[in-house]
Amino acid sequence: MVSGSGAGLWAALALGAGWLLQGAVQGAISVLDQHAGGALLITTGLVASWLGWKMPAPIQAARYLLDAGYHAARPLQGGYEAWMAANAANADSPGENIKP
């Protein structure tokens, strides 16, 4: 009964907000229709930039491991920073503890 009342309150809130803001919603939809191409271009650019910034570090780590003779490279919990810290800790004897 309580969950039903909560669901009813949320539905009423959404319907009330839609009714109060119907002019603003129609205006926002109109603006989005006018600028959909630009918004898509900006969104695509932002996603591509984020991927370009985020991807090189794990790829660099995987290539290093594959070039060192490992048959496969899996992600390390903690990401590239954890891999770099583990690599720095083994700097005096690299590759001594783990063999490919």
C-alpha atoms as a PDB file:
ATOM      1  CA  MET A   1       0.000   0.000   0.000  1.00  0.00           C
ATOM      2  CA  VAL A   2       2.805   2.409   0.865  1.00  0.00           C
ATOM      3  CA  SER A   3       4.698   1.631  -2.336  1.00  0.00           C
ATOM      4  CA  GLY A   4       1.532   2.218  -4.345  1.00  0.00           C
ATOM      5  CA  SER A   5       1.067   5.588  -2.664  1.00  0.00           C
ATOM      6  CA  GLY A   6       4.681   6.485  -3.401  1.00  0.00           C
ATOM      7  CA  ALA A   7       4.297   5.509  -7.042  1.00  0.00           C
ATOM      8  CA  GLY A   8       1.124   7.587  -7.242  1.00  0.00           C
ATOM      9  CA  LEU A   9       2.880  10.608  -5.746  1.00  0.00           C
ATOM     10  CA  TRP A  10       5.761  10.306  -8.234  1.00  0.00           C
ATOM     11  CA  ALA A  11       3.326   9.997 -11.136  1.00  0.00           C
ATOM     12  CA  ALA A  12       1.324  12.973  -9.901  1.00  0.00           C
ATOM     13  CA  LEU A  13       4.498  15.017  -9.525  1.00  0.00           C
ATOM     14  CA  ALA A  14       5.602  14.199 -13.078  1.00  0.00           C
ATOM     15  CA  LEU A  15       2.151  14.957 -14.514  1.00  0.00           C
ATOM     16  CA  GLY A  16       1.878  18.197 -12.537  1.00  0.00           C
ATOM     17  CA  ALA A  17       5.330  19.352 -13.615  1.00  0.00           C
ATOM     18  CA  GLY A  18       4.480  18.546 -17.232  1.00  0.00           C
ATOM     19  CA  TRP A  19       1.220  20.452 -17.020  1.00  0.00           C
ATOM     20  CA  LEU A  20       2.882  23.492 -15.401  1.00  0.00           C
ATOM     21  CA  LEU A  21       5.822  23.514 -17.789  1.00  0.00           C
ATOM     22  CA  GLN A  22       4.060  22.508 -21.008  1.00  0.00           C
ATOM     23  CA  GLY A  23       4.986  25.766 -22.755  1.00  0.00           C
ATOM     24  CA  ALA A  24       8.618  25.485 -21.720  1.00  0.00           C
ATOM     25  CA  VAL A  25       8.780  21.842 -22.817  1.00  0.00           C
ATOM     26  CA  GLN A  26       7.348  22.703 -26.233  1.00  0.00           C
ATOM     27  CA  GLY A  27       9.865  25.529 -26.557  1.00  0.00           C
ATOM     28  CA  ALA A  28      12.742  23.227 -25.595  1.00  0.00           C
ATOM     29  CA  ILE A  29      11.625  20.646 -28.137  1.00  0.00           C
ATOM     30  CA  SER A  30      11.445  23.368 -30.792  1.00  0.00           C
ATOM     31  CA  VAL A  31      14.984  24.546 -29.972  1.00  0.00           C
ATOM     32  CA  LEU A  32      16.272  20.969 -30.067  1.00  0.00           C
ATOM     33  CA  ASP A  33      14.610  20.416 -33.452  1.00  0.00           C
ATOM     34  CA  GLN A  34      16.298  23.516 -34.836  1.00  0.00           C
ATOM     35  CA  HIS A  35      19.745  22.596 -33.516  1.00  0.00           C
ATOM     36  CA  ALA A  36      19.683  18.791 -33.645  1.00  0.00           C
ATOM     37  CA  GLY A  37      22.546  18.546 -36.159  1.00  0.00           C
ATOM     38  CA  GLY A  38      24.835  20.806 -34.141  1.00  0.00           C
ATOM     39  CA  ALA A  39      23.950  19.056 -30.888  1.00  0.00           C
ATOM     40  CA  LEU A  40      24.722  15.686 -32.466  1.00  0.00           C
ATOM     41  CA  LEU A  41      28.040  17.002 -33.793  1.00  0.00           C
ATOM     42  CA  ILE A  42      29.027  18.453 -30.414  1.00  0.00           C
ATOM     43  CA  THR A  43      28.005  15.273 -28.578  1.00  0.00           C
ATOM     44  CA  THR A  44      29.959  13.114 -31.029  1.00  0.00           C
ATOM     45  CA  GLY A  45      32.991  15.378 -30.656  1.00  0.00           C
ATOM     46  CA  LEU A  46      32.829  15.222 -26.862  1.00  0.00           C
ATOM     47  CA  VAL A  47      32.554  11.427 -26.844  1.00  0.00           C
ATOM     48  CA  ALA A  48      35.435  11.101 -29.327  1.00  0.00           C
ATOM     49  CA  SER A  49      37.579  13.474 -27.260  1.00  0.00           C
ATOM     50  CA  TRP A  50      36.851  11.560 -24.068  1.00  0.00           C
ATOM     51  CA  LEU A  51      37.698   8.236 -25.721  1.00  0.00           C
ATOM     52  CA  GLY A  52      40.866   9.721 -27.197  1.00  0.00           C
ATOM     53  CA  TRP A  53      41.921  10.946 -23.756  1.00  0.00           C
ATOM     54  CA  LYS A  54      40.945   7.768 -21.890  1.00  0.00           C
ATOM     55  CA  MET A  55      42.088   4.969 -24.215  1.00  0.00           C
ATOM     56  CA  PRO A  56      45.852   5.477 -24.840  1.00  0.00           C
ATOM     57  CA  ALA A  57      47.012   4.553 -21.322  1.00  0.00           C
ATOM     58  CA  PRO A  58      45.468   1.042 -21.167  1.00  0.00           C
ATOM     59  CA  ILE A  59      46.451   0.379 -24.760  1.00  0.00           C
ATOM     60  CA  GLN A  60      50.019   1.452 -24.003  1.00  0.00           C
ATOM     61  CA  ALA A  61      50.138  -0.869 -20.989  1.00  0.00           C
ATOM     62  CA  ALA A  62      48.733  -3.795 -22.985  1.00  0.00           C
ATOM     63  CA  ARG A  63      51.211  -3.235 -25.817  1.00  0.00           C
ATOM     64  CA  TYR A  64      54.077  -3.117 -23.328  1.00  0.00           C
ATOM     65  CA  LEU A  65      53.011  -6.457 -21.868  1.00  0.00           C
ATOM     66  CA  LEU A  66      52.477  -8.074 -25.263  1.00  0.00           C
ATOM     67  CA  ASP A  67      55.872  -6.810 -26.479  1.00  0.00           C
ATOM     68  CA  ALA A  68      57.442  -8.228 -23.316  1.00  0.00           C
ATOM     69  CA  GLY A  69      56.263 -11.701 -24.356  1.00  0.00           C
ATOM     70  CA  TYR A  70      52.981 -12.073 -22.499  1.00  0.00           C
ATOM     71  CA  HIS A  71      50.321 -13.969 -24.434  1.00  0.00           C
ATOM     72  CA  ALA A  72      47.414 -11.903 -23.115  1.00  0.00           C
ATOM     73  CA  ALA A  73      46.893  -8.704 -21.168  1.00  0.00           C
ATOM     74  CA  ARG A  74      43.968  -8.210 -18.784  1.00  0.00           C
ATOM     75  CA  PRO A  75      42.981  -5.020 -16.959  1.00  0.00           C
ATOM     76  CA  LEU A  76      44.421  -4.551 -13.478  1.00  0.00           C
ATOM     77  CA  GLN A  77      42.097  -3.422 -10.720  1.00  0.00           C
ATOM     78  CA  GLY A  78      42.929   0.238 -10.198  1.00  0.00           C
ATOM     79  CA  GLY A  79      43.673   0.864 -13.875  1.00  0.00           C
ATOM     80  CA  TYR A  80      46.779   2.237 -15.479  1.00  0.00           C
ATOM     81  CA  GLU A  81      47.853   4.087 -12.328  1.00  0.00           C
ATOM     82  CA  ALA A  82      47.922   0.799 -10.374  1.00  0.00           C
ATOM     83  CA  TRP A  83      49.907  -0.835 -13.170  1.00  0.00           C
ATOM     84  CA  MET A  84      52.421   2.018 -13.141  1.00  0.00           C
ATOM     85  CA  ALA A  85      52.741   1.785  -9.340  1.00  0.00           C
ATOM     86  CA  ALA A  86      53.273  -1.976  -9.532  1.00  0.00           C
ATOM     87  CA  ASN A  87      55.816  -1.486 -12.307  1.00  0.00           C
ATOM     88  CA  ALA A  88      57.657   1.162 -10.254  1.00  0.00           C
ATOM     89  CA  ALA A  89      57.708  -1.162  -7.233  1.00  0.00           C
ATOM     90  CA  ASN A  90      59.403  -3.839  -9.366  1.00  0.00           C
ATOM     91  CA  ALA A  91      61.795  -1.419 -11.064  1.00  0.00           C
ATOM     92  CA  ASP A  92      64.836  -2.960  -9.353  1.00  0.00           C
ATOM     93  CA  SER A  93      63.948  -6.441 -10.669  1.00  0.00           C
ATOM     94  CA  PRO A  94      61.450  -6.110 -13.546  1.00  0.00           C
ATOM     95  CA  GLY A  95      59.723  -9.304 -14.613  1.00  0.00           C
ATOM     96  CA  GLU A  96      61.271 -11.341 -11.820  1.00  0.00           C
ATOM     97  CA  ASN A  97      58.043 -12.175  -9.994  1.00  0.00           C
ATOM     98  CA  ILE A  98      55.732 -12.804 -12.955  1.00  0.00           C
ATOM     99  CA  LYS A  99      56.773 -14.759 -16.002  1.00  0.00           C
ATOM    100  CA  PRO A 100      54.956 -14.615 -19.350  1.00  0.00           C
END
